[in-house]
Amino acid sequence: MFLRMVTPDGVQTNRRQAMQQRDYPTLTEATRIWARIGLLSFGGPAGQIALMHRILVEEQKWLGEKRFLHALNYCMLLPGPEAMQLAVYIGWLMHRTLGGIIAGLLFVLPGVVAIMALSWVYALFGSVGPVEALFFGLKAAVLAIVVQAVIRIGARALKNGAMLAIAAASFVAIFGFAVPFPLIILIAGLIGLFGARAGMPAFQGGGGHGKVGAVQVADADTLLGEETPAHTQVNRSWALRISAVFLALWLAPVALLFAVLGPAHVFAQIAGFFSIMAVVTFGGAYAVLAYVAQEAVQNFGWLAPGEMLDGLGMAETTPGPLIMVTQFVGFMGAFRDAGGLSPLLAGTLGGLLTTWVTFAPCFLWIFLGAPFIERLRDNRVLSAALTAITAAVVGVILNLAVWFGLHVVFDEVRQISAFGLALDVPVWSTLNIVAAVLVLANLIAVFRFRLGPVTVLCGSALAGLGPEETQVVLIADPAATTNRHEIDAEGAFGRMALSFENAALPDNPKSSAMTALSLVRLIENRAAPVVI
């Protein structure tokens, strides 16, 4: 018997020979893979990036770890959803421009369809008791997930005192002084640039992504190998042509809407606002949502504060990038300002227009910039700018968490203005105890039991459903039984008949009913009196 020893080098050689014998995937085969990724892309950017790594690197072995992270870190430098842009980049790497277009479209298409369907349901049935109750539960889960995002990104980005200072300053700027999100990002990027040029240690090192999957695959053991495909070489002529095409696809409809309908029309406002947003959305969906909420709720009046949370809940529970929540914003804005159109038709057009101007630039950034990736990857100044921007994003997302929390846990919020500050403070008498308990339960689910976002969202939505009819007795003073009040109110949990004995009621009877129902859901026996 003869035994032959196989060295690690021999094993790697055998793997590479086997990879060389594999057929390169056709565009049709790749399309099926991208469709699968698009349908499974739940869980926000972290989950989507891990999904692509598992399928494209570990299973299909199209590309290796080094090239995957190379592409991902480049996408993190760009405005827009990094996971979707990574799909476009890898699609382009494998099958040129058409491959990138197919990968990007299939990544967002399931989310477009799902968000549009949910927007129709929300517009038609959002005020119906059970539907309203489901979204009531979703709000609490979304708040917990945003808090988780603050802690997760902060743990990665705030490595020193300078980064902590940038995060704190960005929070104060946007929460206390309503400084626009794009200006915060610009200032943070400039701080990073100047800090790197000055050689300050706090701004050295990249803000890129670390390893993604548990299995690491060498580039040489993949279909692409270590070589650079011919079509990825820098070609200035091609770069100018592709830029012109995608700039026209992106901005020509915007210019046409402004010219034909005028800048005051809702479609022109949607196209203009979300086109600006597309170039300043550094830091991911959670960061830009503060900017969107600030403009869509306070300036344009397209949504109420709670409705922004409803839209984010939709995006969290459907495949595709979280930034798909903007489609819901555009839908509701056009739905409520339909002009001579049917509200549903106007909403559908508004949602699709929002999606177009949000994602069209993503293709431009990849097709124009990807060939220059080698130069950008080793640029320490740009890396320092990304590091500072990521730190600022932590403060912006913290602002989002506080803003959401105030509007979830309290029924009323008022603004205090003094010395340039504009602070939102809660009206404590409008505390919604059910919402507070749901938020606490979701925080425990996320941080203690580490449940996934889809599980948390679905569970919280179901917890929001209450009994169709609840009898409640509130007694302010057990010794007093006079001054009885009867309220029959329509609330988020359906029709409620409530009895108040000797209780100080707010001016709004419906608020009183919701307060009573909030209290009664904290006890196991719903018919028992609650002492307040």
Protein backbone atom coordinates (compact mmCIF):
# COMPACT_ATOMS: atom_id res chain seq x y z
CA MET A 1 0.00 0.00 0.00
CA PHE A 2 1.25 3.44 -0.89
CA LEU A 3 0.22 6.60 0.96
CA ARG A 4 0.52 9.96 -0.80
CA MET A 5 0.78 13.09 1.33
CA VAL A 6 -1.16 16.11 0.06
CA THR A 7 0.25 19.45 1.18
CA PRO A 8 -1.90 22.54 1.72
CA ASP A 9 -0.41 23.96 -1.48
CA GLY A 10 -1.55 20.83 -3.28
CA VAL A 11 -5.07 21.19 -1.91
CA GLN A 12 -5.22 24.80 -3.10
CA THR A 13 -3.94 23.76 -6.52
CA ASN A 14 -6.65 21.09 -6.80
CA ARG A 15 -9.31 23.64 -5.83
CA ARG A 16 -8.10 26.09 -8.44
CA GLN A 17 -8.01 23.40 -11.11
CA ALA A 18 -11.57 22.38 -10.21
CA MET A 19 -12.65 26.04 -10.36
CA GLN A 20 -11.04 26.45 -13.77
CA GLN A 21 -13.08 23.46 -15.03
CA ARG A 22 -16.37 25.03 -13.92
CA ASP A 23 -18.43 26.77 -16.56
CA TYR A 24 -18.72 30.51 -16.14
CA PRO A 25 -22.37 31.33 -15.27
CA THR A 26 -24.46 32.66 -18.12
CA LEU A 27 -26.44 35.87 -17.70
CA THR A 28 -29.63 33.78 -17.41
CA GLU A 29 -28.12 31.67 -14.62
CA ALA A 30 -26.90 34.79 -12.86
CA THR A 31 -30.36 36.34 -13.17
CA ARG A 32 -31.83 33.40 -11.24
CA ILE A 33 -29.24 33.90 -8.49
CA TRP A 34 -29.99 37.64 -8.26
CA ALA A 35 -33.73 36.94 -8.13
CA ARG A 36 -33.14 34.57 -5.22
CA ILE A 37 -31.09 37.19 -3.39
CA GLY A 38 -33.74 39.84 -4.00
CA LEU A 39 -36.52 37.68 -2.54
CA LEU A 40 -34.45 36.77 0.55
CA SER A 41 -32.98 40.21 1.27
CA PHE A 42 -34.57 40.83 4.66
CA GLY A 43 -32.86 42.18 7.74
CA GLY A 44 -31.41 45.52 6.69
CA PRO A 45 -27.97 46.12 5.15
CA ALA A 46 -26.06 43.87 7.56
CA GLY A 47 -28.30 40.89 6.84
CA GLN A 48 -28.35 41.60 3.10
CA ILE A 49 -24.56 41.83 2.87
CA ALA A 50 -24.21 38.58 4.83
CA LEU A 51 -26.74 36.94 2.48
CA MET A 52 -24.77 38.01 -0.61
CA HIS A 53 -21.55 36.79 0.96
CA ARG A 54 -23.06 33.39 1.72
CA ILE A 55 -24.53 32.90 -1.75
CA LEU A 56 -21.95 34.59 -4.00
CA VAL A 57 -18.72 33.91 -2.09
CA GLU A 58 -19.31 30.76 -0.06
CA GLU A 59 -21.79 28.85 -2.26
CA GLN A 60 -21.27 30.03 -5.85
CA LYS A 61 -17.62 31.12 -5.41
CA TRP A 62 -17.99 33.83 -8.03
CA LEU A 63 -15.50 36.02 -6.17
CA GLY A 64 -13.31 35.78 -3.09
CA GLU A 65 -13.16 37.49 0.28
CA LYS A 66 -10.63 40.15 -0.67
CA ARG A 67 -12.48 41.25 -3.79
CA PHE A 68 -15.84 41.17 -1.97
CA LEU A 69 -14.58 43.44 0.83
CA HIS A 70 -12.83 45.62 -1.74
CA ALA A 71 -16.17 46.24 -3.45
CA LEU A 72 -18.08 46.64 -0.18
CA ASN A 73 -15.71 49.24 1.23
CA TYR A 74 -15.99 51.20 -2.01
CA CYS A 75 -19.80 51.10 -1.80
CA MET A 76 -19.61 52.40 1.77
CA LEU A 77 -17.99 55.57 0.41
CA LEU A 78 -21.01 56.27 -1.77
CA PRO A 79 -24.37 57.87 -0.96
CA GLY A 80 -27.27 55.48 -1.13
CA PRO A 81 -27.97 51.90 0.04
CA GLU A 82 -24.64 50.07 0.20
CA ALA A 83 -26.11 46.57 -0.10
CA MET A 84 -27.96 47.41 -3.32
CA GLN A 85 -24.87 49.10 -4.75
CA LEU A 86 -22.79 46.06 -3.85
CA ALA A 87 -25.21 43.92 -5.87
CA VAL A 88 -24.86 46.29 -8.83
CA TYR A 89 -21.08 46.22 -8.51
CA ILE A 90 -20.80 42.42 -8.44
CA GLY A 91 -23.34 42.09 -11.25
CA TRP A 92 -21.24 44.51 -13.33
CA LEU A 93 -18.06 42.64 -12.40
CA MET A 94 -19.54 39.33 -13.58
CA HIS A 95 -21.57 40.37 -16.65
CA ARG A 96 -20.71 43.96 -17.52
CA THR A 97 -23.25 46.82 -17.48
CA LEU A 98 -26.30 44.66 -18.24
CA GLY A 99 -25.38 42.31 -15.41
CA GLY A 100 -25.17 45.25 -13.00
CA ILE A 101 -28.54 46.62 -14.11
CA ILE A 102 -30.22 43.21 -13.70
CA ALA A 103 -28.65 42.67 -10.26
CA GLY A 104 -29.73 46.11 -9.03
CA LEU A 105 -33.27 45.87 -10.38
CA LEU A 106 -33.88 42.40 -8.95
CA PHE A 107 -32.50 43.51 -5.59
CA VAL A 108 -35.09 46.30 -5.23
CA LEU A 109 -38.04 44.92 -7.24
CA PRO A 110 -39.54 42.69 -4.48
CA GLY A 111 -39.44 45.64 -2.08
CA VAL A 112 -41.05 47.97 -4.63
CA VAL A 113 -43.97 45.57 -5.11
CA ALA A 114 -44.37 44.83 -1.39
CA ILE A 115 -44.18 48.46 -0.22
CA MET A 116 -46.60 49.55 -2.95
CA ALA A 117 -49.13 46.89 -1.92
CA LEU A 118 -48.80 47.82 1.75
CA SER A 119 -49.13 51.52 0.90
CA TRP A 120 -52.46 50.78 -0.82
CA VAL A 121 -53.63 48.84 2.25
CA TYR A 122 -52.49 51.64 4.54
CA ALA A 123 -54.22 54.34 2.49
CA LEU A 124 -57.50 52.41 2.19
CA PHE A 125 -57.72 50.63 5.54
CA GLY A 126 -55.18 52.36 7.82
CA SER A 127 -57.89 53.82 10.05
CA VAL A 128 -59.67 50.47 10.47
CA GLY A 129 -59.26 49.15 14.02
CA PRO A 130 -57.29 45.91 13.42
CA VAL A 131 -55.00 47.48 10.80
CA GLU A 132 -54.37 50.50 13.01
CA ALA A 133 -53.60 48.19 15.93
CA LEU A 134 -51.08 46.21 13.86
CA PHE A 135 -49.21 49.38 12.95
CA PHE A 136 -49.42 50.52 16.58
CA GLY A 137 -47.47 47.39 17.54
CA LEU A 138 -45.02 47.88 14.68
CA LYS A 139 -44.04 51.33 15.96
CA ALA A 140 -42.72 49.92 19.24
CA ALA A 141 -40.65 47.28 17.42
CA VAL A 142 -39.21 49.83 14.98
CA LEU A 143 -38.10 52.03 17.87
CA ALA A 144 -36.26 49.10 19.48
CA ILE A 145 -34.55 48.26 16.18
CA VAL A 146 -33.42 51.88 15.71
CA VAL A 147 -31.96 51.88 19.25
CA GLN A 148 -30.12 48.68 18.35
CA ALA A 149 -28.73 50.38 15.24
CA VAL A 150 -27.40 53.28 17.34
CA ILE A 151 -25.54 50.91 19.65
CA ARG A 152 -24.26 48.65 16.85
CA ILE A 153 -22.91 51.45 14.66
CA GLY A 154 -21.63 53.39 17.66
CA ALA A 155 -19.63 50.39 18.90
CA ARG A 156 -17.91 50.18 15.52
CA ALA A 157 -17.43 53.88 14.79
CA LEU A 158 -16.76 55.65 18.11
CA LYS A 159 -13.25 54.39 18.78
CA ASN A 160 -11.78 57.55 20.31
CA GLY A 161 -12.66 60.88 21.87
CA ALA A 162 -12.67 62.75 18.56
CA MET A 163 -15.28 60.41 17.10
CA LEU A 164 -17.38 60.68 20.27
CA ALA A 165 -17.22 64.47 20.02
CA ILE A 166 -18.33 64.43 16.38
CA ALA A 167 -21.26 62.13 17.24
CA ALA A 168 -22.31 64.32 20.18
CA ALA A 169 -22.04 67.50 18.13
CA SER A 170 -24.12 66.03 15.29
CA PHE A 171 -26.84 64.98 17.75
CA VAL A 172 -27.01 68.43 19.35
CA ALA A 173 -26.99 70.11 15.94
CA ILE A 174 -29.88 68.13 14.47
CA PHE A 175 -31.95 67.62 17.63
CA GLY A 176 -31.51 71.01 19.26
CA PHE A 177 -30.94 73.33 16.31
CA ALA A 178 -32.59 71.44 13.41
CA VAL A 179 -29.40 71.67 11.31
CA PRO A 180 -30.06 69.93 7.97
CA PHE A 181 -28.64 66.43 7.62
CA PRO A 182 -26.65 67.20 4.41
CA LEU A 183 -24.83 70.06 6.16
CA ILE A 184 -23.92 67.80 9.10
CA ILE A 185 -22.48 65.20 6.71
CA LEU A 186 -20.53 67.85 4.78
CA ILE A 187 -18.99 69.31 7.94
CA ALA A 188 -18.11 65.87 9.32
CA GLY A 189 -16.47 64.88 6.03
CA LEU A 190 -14.40 68.09 6.00
CA ILE A 191 -13.32 67.48 9.60
CA GLY A 192 -12.15 64.01 8.60
CA LEU A 193 -10.30 65.32 5.55
CA PHE A 194 -8.45 68.06 7.44
CA GLY A 195 -7.77 65.73 10.38
CA ALA A 196 -6.15 63.18 8.07
CA ARG A 197 -4.11 65.82 6.24
CA ALA A 198 -2.90 67.14 9.59
CA GLY A 199 -1.80 63.64 10.56
CA MET A 200 -4.00 63.47 13.66
CA PRO A 201 -4.01 59.89 15.04
CA ALA A 202 -7.78 59.95 15.69
CA PHE A 203 -8.42 60.19 11.95
CA GLN A 204 -6.01 57.48 10.86
CA GLY A 205 -7.36 54.07 9.85
CA GLY A 206 -10.29 53.21 7.68
CA GLY A 207 -13.97 53.19 8.33
CA GLY A 208 -14.40 50.21 6.08
CA HIS A 209 -16.13 46.92 6.67
CA GLY A 210 -14.42 43.99 8.37
CA LYS A 211 -14.81 40.35 7.36
CA VAL A 212 -18.38 39.30 6.68
CA GLY A 213 -18.89 35.54 6.72
CA ALA A 214 -17.57 32.70 8.85
CA VAL A 215 -16.09 31.05 5.75
CA GLN A 216 -13.26 32.93 4.04
CA VAL A 217 -12.65 32.12 0.36
CA ALA A 218 -9.42 33.11 -1.36
CA ASP A 219 -9.76 35.08 -4.58
CA ALA A 220 -7.63 32.53 -6.43
CA ASP A 221 -10.17 29.78 -5.59
CA THR A 222 -13.06 31.53 -7.33
CA LEU A 223 -14.40 31.96 -10.86
CA LEU A 224 -13.06 35.49 -11.22
CA GLY A 225 -9.74 34.54 -9.69
CA GLU A 226 -7.18 37.18 -8.90
CA GLU A 227 -7.11 38.69 -12.38
CA THR A 228 -8.86 41.92 -13.28
CA PRO A 229 -11.50 41.41 -16.02
CA ALA A 230 -10.82 43.40 -19.16
CA HIS A 231 -14.10 45.34 -19.00
CA THR A 232 -13.22 46.73 -15.55
CA GLN A 233 -10.21 48.67 -16.82
CA VAL A 234 -10.48 52.46 -16.64
CA ASN A 235 -11.91 53.83 -19.89
CA ARG A 236 -12.58 57.55 -19.75
CA SER A 237 -14.60 57.57 -22.96
CA TRP A 238 -16.90 54.83 -21.68
CA ALA A 239 -17.16 56.56 -18.28
CA LEU A 240 -18.34 59.79 -19.93
CA ARG A 241 -20.90 57.98 -22.10
CA ILE A 242 -22.38 55.94 -19.25
CA SER A 243 -22.47 59.03 -17.02
CA ALA A 244 -24.39 60.97 -19.64
CA VAL A 245 -26.92 58.16 -20.07
CA PHE A 246 -27.66 57.71 -16.37
CA LEU A 247 -27.65 61.43 -15.61
CA ALA A 248 -30.29 61.85 -18.32
CA LEU A 249 -32.34 58.93 -17.00
CA TRP A 250 -32.18 60.37 -13.50
CA LEU A 251 -32.55 64.13 -14.00
CA ALA A 252 -34.50 64.49 -17.27
CA PRO A 253 -37.81 63.43 -15.64
CA VAL A 254 -37.11 65.81 -12.75
CA ALA A 255 -36.50 68.75 -15.09
CA LEU A 256 -39.60 67.87 -17.12
CA LEU A 257 -41.82 67.83 -14.02
CA PHE A 258 -40.53 71.21 -12.88
CA ALA A 259 -41.01 72.70 -16.35
CA VAL A 260 -44.51 71.32 -16.98
CA LEU A 261 -46.10 71.25 -13.51
CA GLY A 262 -44.15 73.98 -11.72
CA PRO A 263 -42.05 73.77 -8.55
CA ALA A 264 -45.09 73.92 -6.23
CA HIS A 265 -46.67 70.72 -7.61
CA VAL A 266 -46.37 67.68 -5.38
CA PHE A 267 -44.72 65.56 -8.10
CA ALA A 268 -42.06 68.23 -8.69
CA GLN A 269 -41.50 68.53 -4.94
CA ILE A 270 -41.12 64.75 -4.61
CA ALA A 271 -38.72 64.54 -7.56
CA GLY A 272 -36.62 67.48 -6.37
CA PHE A 273 -36.45 66.51 -2.70
CA PHE A 274 -35.59 62.84 -3.20
CA SER A 275 -33.06 63.68 -5.94
CA ILE A 276 -31.23 65.85 -3.41
CA MET A 277 -31.56 63.10 -0.81
CA ALA A 278 -29.98 60.59 -3.23
CA VAL A 279 -26.67 62.46 -3.17
CA VAL A 280 -26.46 63.04 0.60
CA THR A 281 -27.61 59.67 1.97
CA PHE A 282 -24.31 58.72 3.58
CA GLY A 283 -24.55 56.46 6.60
CA GLY A 284 -27.44 54.23 5.57
CA ALA A 285 -31.20 54.36 5.82
CA TYR A 286 -31.47 55.08 9.55
CA ALA A 287 -29.33 58.20 9.21
CA VAL A 288 -31.22 59.65 6.26
CA LEU A 289 -34.62 58.89 7.81
CA ALA A 290 -34.07 61.72 10.27
CA TYR A 291 -33.62 64.05 7.31
CA VAL A 292 -36.63 62.60 5.48
CA ALA A 293 -38.79 62.84 8.60
CA GLN A 294 -37.70 66.41 9.21
CA GLU A 295 -38.67 67.48 5.70
CA ALA A 296 -41.63 65.19 4.92
CA VAL A 297 -43.35 65.71 8.28
CA GLN A 298 -42.47 69.24 9.31
CA ASN A 299 -41.88 71.08 6.03
CA PHE A 300 -43.90 69.38 3.28
CA GLY A 301 -46.64 67.96 5.53
CA TRP A 302 -46.79 64.69 3.58
CA LEU A 303 -46.90 62.54 6.74
CA ALA A 304 -47.68 62.67 10.43
CA PRO A 305 -44.82 61.64 12.79
CA GLY A 306 -46.38 58.27 13.59
CA GLU A 307 -46.86 57.48 9.92
CA MET A 308 -43.11 57.71 9.33
CA LEU A 309 -42.74 54.87 11.82
CA ASP A 310 -45.43 52.89 10.02
CA GLY A 311 -43.50 53.22 6.78
CA LEU A 312 -40.27 52.09 8.38
CA GLY A 313 -42.11 49.11 9.83
CA MET A 314 -43.17 48.18 6.29
CA ALA A 315 -39.60 48.44 5.04
CA GLU A 316 -38.27 46.37 7.96
CA THR A 317 -40.68 43.50 7.24
CA THR A 318 -40.28 43.34 3.46
CA PRO A 319 -37.29 42.39 1.28
CA GLY A 320 -35.07 45.07 -0.20
CA PRO A 321 -33.20 48.11 1.11
CA LEU A 322 -34.62 49.92 4.15
CA ILE A 323 -34.49 53.14 2.15
CA MET A 324 -37.57 51.74 0.35
CA VAL A 325 -39.50 53.54 3.09
CA THR A 326 -39.15 56.62 0.90
CA GLN A 327 -41.55 55.03 -1.59
CA PHE A 328 -44.21 55.03 1.13
CA VAL A 329 -43.45 58.69 1.87
CA GLY A 330 -43.85 59.63 -1.82
CA PHE A 331 -47.01 57.58 -2.08
CA MET A 332 -48.71 59.24 0.87
CA GLY A 333 -47.55 62.72 -0.16
CA ALA A 334 -49.10 62.39 -3.63
CA PHE A 335 -52.14 60.49 -2.28
CA ARG A 336 -53.04 63.48 -0.08
CA ASP A 337 -52.38 66.07 -2.78
CA ALA A 338 -53.73 64.30 -5.85
CA GLY A 339 -54.97 67.35 -7.72
CA GLY A 340 -57.25 66.19 -10.53
CA LEU A 341 -56.06 62.56 -10.36
CA SER A 342 -57.52 59.67 -8.42
CA PRO A 343 -55.76 59.62 -5.01
CA LEU A 344 -54.64 56.01 -5.47
CA LEU A 345 -53.29 56.72 -8.96
CA ALA A 346 -51.51 59.83 -7.74
CA GLY A 347 -50.08 57.90 -4.78
CA THR A 348 -48.86 55.09 -7.04
CA LEU A 349 -47.17 57.54 -9.41
CA GLY A 350 -45.67 59.44 -6.47
CA GLY A 351 -44.28 56.25 -4.96
CA LEU A 352 -42.76 55.06 -8.25
CA LEU A 353 -41.31 58.50 -8.93
CA THR A 354 -39.68 58.47 -5.50
CA THR A 355 -38.19 55.05 -6.13
CA TRP A 356 -36.86 56.13 -9.54
CA VAL A 357 -35.02 59.25 -8.35
CA THR A 358 -33.75 57.40 -5.25
CA PHE A 359 -32.19 54.41 -7.02
CA ALA A 360 -31.27 55.68 -10.49
CA PRO A 361 -28.20 57.52 -9.11
CA CYS A 362 -26.97 54.27 -7.50
CA PHE A 363 -26.30 52.79 -10.93
CA LEU A 364 -24.47 55.97 -11.94
CA TRP A 365 -22.13 55.87 -8.92
CA ILE A 366 -21.16 52.25 -9.61
CA PHE A 367 -20.75 52.35 -13.38
CA LEU A 368 -18.82 55.62 -13.24
CA GLY A 369 -16.68 54.98 -10.18
CA ALA A 370 -16.08 51.22 -9.99
CA PRO A 371 -13.24 51.22 -12.56
CA PHE A 372 -11.39 53.70 -10.34
CA ILE A 373 -11.82 51.56 -7.23
CA GLU A 374 -8.13 50.70 -6.95
CA ARG A 375 -7.24 54.36 -6.57
CA LEU A 376 -10.01 55.01 -4.06
CA ARG A 377 -9.39 51.97 -1.89
CA ASP A 378 -5.95 53.09 -0.73
CA ASN A 379 -6.81 56.76 -0.35
CA ARG A 380 -6.37 57.41 3.37
CA VAL A 381 -7.84 60.90 3.20
CA LEU A 382 -11.14 59.61 1.79
CA SER A 383 -11.09 56.81 4.35
CA ALA A 384 -10.72 59.37 7.15
CA ALA A 385 -13.64 61.35 5.76
CA LEU A 386 -15.75 58.17 5.83
CA THR A 387 -14.71 57.54 9.44
CA ALA A 388 -15.81 61.02 10.52
CA ILE A 389 -19.07 60.78 8.57
CA THR A 390 -19.85 57.43 10.22
CA ALA A 391 -19.31 59.01 13.64
CA ALA A 392 -21.67 61.86 12.74
CA VAL A 393 -24.22 59.32 11.56
CA VAL A 394 -24.31 57.82 15.06
CA GLY A 395 -25.51 61.16 16.44
CA VAL A 396 -28.05 61.52 13.64
CA ILE A 397 -29.49 58.04 14.28
CA LEU A 398 -29.62 58.80 18.03
CA ASN A 399 -31.70 61.85 17.13
CA LEU A 400 -33.96 59.58 15.08
CA ALA A 401 -34.37 57.21 18.04
CA VAL A 402 -35.26 60.06 20.42
CA TRP A 403 -37.64 61.63 17.89
CA PHE A 404 -39.37 58.31 17.25
CA GLY A 405 -39.49 57.52 20.96
CA LEU A 406 -41.22 60.78 21.83
CA HIS A 407 -43.92 60.19 19.20
CA VAL A 408 -44.42 56.52 20.07
CA VAL A 409 -44.62 56.74 23.86
CA PHE A 410 -46.47 60.07 24.09
CA ASP A 411 -49.66 61.09 22.32
CA GLU A 412 -48.67 64.77 22.33
CA VAL A 413 -45.32 66.51 21.92
CA ARG A 414 -44.79 70.26 22.06
CA GLN A 415 -41.85 72.39 20.95
CA ILE A 416 -39.93 74.80 23.16
CA SER A 417 -37.92 77.51 21.39
CA ALA A 418 -35.34 79.73 23.06
CA PHE A 419 -31.87 81.09 22.22
CA GLY A 420 -31.87 79.37 18.83
CA LEU A 421 -32.88 76.01 20.29
CA ALA A 422 -36.02 74.20 19.14
CA LEU A 423 -36.59 71.24 21.45
CA ASP A 424 -39.42 68.72 21.26
CA VAL A 425 -40.60 67.85 24.77
CA PRO A 426 -43.34 65.41 25.74
CA VAL A 427 -46.65 66.27 27.35
CA TRP A 428 -46.37 63.86 30.27
CA SER A 429 -50.12 63.59 30.83
CA THR A 430 -50.39 61.93 27.40
CA LEU A 431 -48.06 59.04 28.26
CA ASN A 432 -49.29 55.90 26.48
CA ILE A 433 -48.49 53.10 28.90
CA VAL A 434 -49.24 50.31 26.42
CA ALA A 435 -46.77 51.80 23.96
CA ALA A 436 -44.15 52.16 26.71
CA VAL A 437 -44.60 48.54 27.77
CA LEU A 438 -44.43 47.33 24.16
CA VAL A 439 -41.22 49.31 23.61
CA LEU A 440 -39.69 47.82 26.75
CA ALA A 441 -40.73 44.31 25.70
CA ASN A 442 -39.18 44.83 22.25
CA LEU A 443 -35.95 46.14 23.72
CA ILE A 444 -35.74 43.01 25.86
CA ALA A 445 -36.44 40.84 22.82
CA VAL A 446 -33.73 42.57 20.78
CA PHE A 447 -30.98 42.90 23.39
CA ARG A 448 -31.65 40.07 25.85
CA PHE A 449 -32.96 37.33 23.57
CA ARG A 450 -31.30 38.64 20.37
CA LEU A 451 -34.35 37.98 18.22
CA GLY A 452 -34.17 38.94 14.56
CA PRO A 453 -35.93 42.06 13.25
CA VAL A 454 -38.64 40.20 11.32
CA THR A 455 -39.51 38.08 14.37
CA VAL A 456 -39.61 41.14 16.62
CA LEU A 457 -41.72 43.15 14.18
CA CYS A 458 -44.26 40.38 13.60
CA GLY A 459 -44.54 39.61 17.31
CA SER A 460 -44.99 43.25 18.26
CA ALA A 461 -47.57 43.81 15.53
CA LEU A 462 -49.64 40.89 16.84
CA ALA A 463 -49.23 42.17 20.40
CA GLY A 464 -50.77 45.45 19.25
CA LEU A 465 -54.06 43.70 18.58
CA GLY A 466 -56.41 44.05 21.52
CA PRO A 467 -59.92 42.96 22.37
CA GLU A 468 -62.75 44.36 20.29
CA GLU A 469 -64.56 45.56 23.37
CA THR A 470 -63.08 46.20 26.82
CA GLN A 471 -64.81 47.24 30.01
CA VAL A 472 -62.55 49.25 32.33
CA VAL A 473 -63.16 50.93 35.67
CA LEU A 474 -60.64 53.50 36.87
CA ILE A 475 -60.84 54.66 40.49
CA ALA A 476 -58.83 57.73 41.47
CA ASP A 477 -59.58 57.27 45.16
CA PRO A 478 -60.86 53.91 46.41
CA ALA A 479 -62.84 55.71 49.12
CA ALA A 480 -64.71 57.93 46.66
CA THR A 481 -67.38 56.56 44.30
CA THR A 482 -68.99 59.73 42.96
CA ASN A 483 -68.48 61.80 39.83
CA ARG A 484 -68.72 58.87 37.40
CA HIS A 485 -67.86 59.36 33.73
CA GLU A 486 -68.84 57.07 30.84
CA ILE A 487 -66.88 57.15 27.59
CA ASP A 488 -67.53 55.19 24.42
CA ALA A 489 -64.54 55.75 22.14
CA GLU A 490 -63.01 54.42 18.97
CA GLY A 491 -59.32 53.71 19.55
CA ALA A 492 -56.45 51.82 17.99
CA PHE A 493 -57.72 48.58 19.55
CA GLY A 494 -61.29 48.80 18.34
CA ARG A 495 -64.53 49.95 20.00
CA MET A 496 -64.14 50.59 23.71
CA ALA A 497 -66.69 51.23 26.45
CA LEU A 498 -64.90 52.72 29.48
CA SER A 499 -66.04 53.89 32.89
CA PHE A 500 -64.19 56.53 34.93
CA GLU A 501 -64.94 57.10 38.60
CA ASN A 502 -63.75 60.31 40.23
CA ALA A 503 -60.86 60.59 37.75
CA ALA A 504 -59.48 63.84 36.38
CA LEU A 505 -60.07 63.59 32.65
CA PRO A 506 -58.11 65.42 29.94
CA ASP A 507 -60.02 67.64 27.54
CA ASN A 508 -59.84 64.99 24.83
CA PRO A 509 -62.20 62.07 25.67
CA LYS A 510 -60.52 59.79 23.16
CA SER A 511 -57.18 60.40 24.91
CA SER A 512 -58.84 59.42 28.19
CA ALA A 513 -60.14 56.24 26.64
CA MET A 514 -56.74 55.33 25.27
CA THR A 515 -55.14 56.01 28.66
CA ALA A 516 -57.65 53.76 30.36
CA LEU A 517 -57.13 50.99 27.84
CA SER A 518 -53.37 51.34 28.18
CA LEU A 519 -53.63 50.76 31.91
CA VAL A 520 -56.02 47.86 31.71
CA ARG A 521 -53.77 45.91 29.33
CA LEU A 522 -51.14 45.82 32.06
CA ILE A 523 -53.25 43.58 34.25
CA GLU A 524 -54.13 39.98 33.61
CA ASN A 525 -57.80 40.28 34.52
CA ARG A 526 -59.18 42.94 32.15
CA ALA A 527 -62.44 43.37 34.10
CA ALA A 528 -60.75 44.34 37.36
CA PRO A 529 -60.50 47.98 38.44
CA VAL A 530 -57.18 49.76 38.19
CA VAL A 531 -56.22 52.25 40.88
CA ILE A 532 -54.51 55.44 39.66
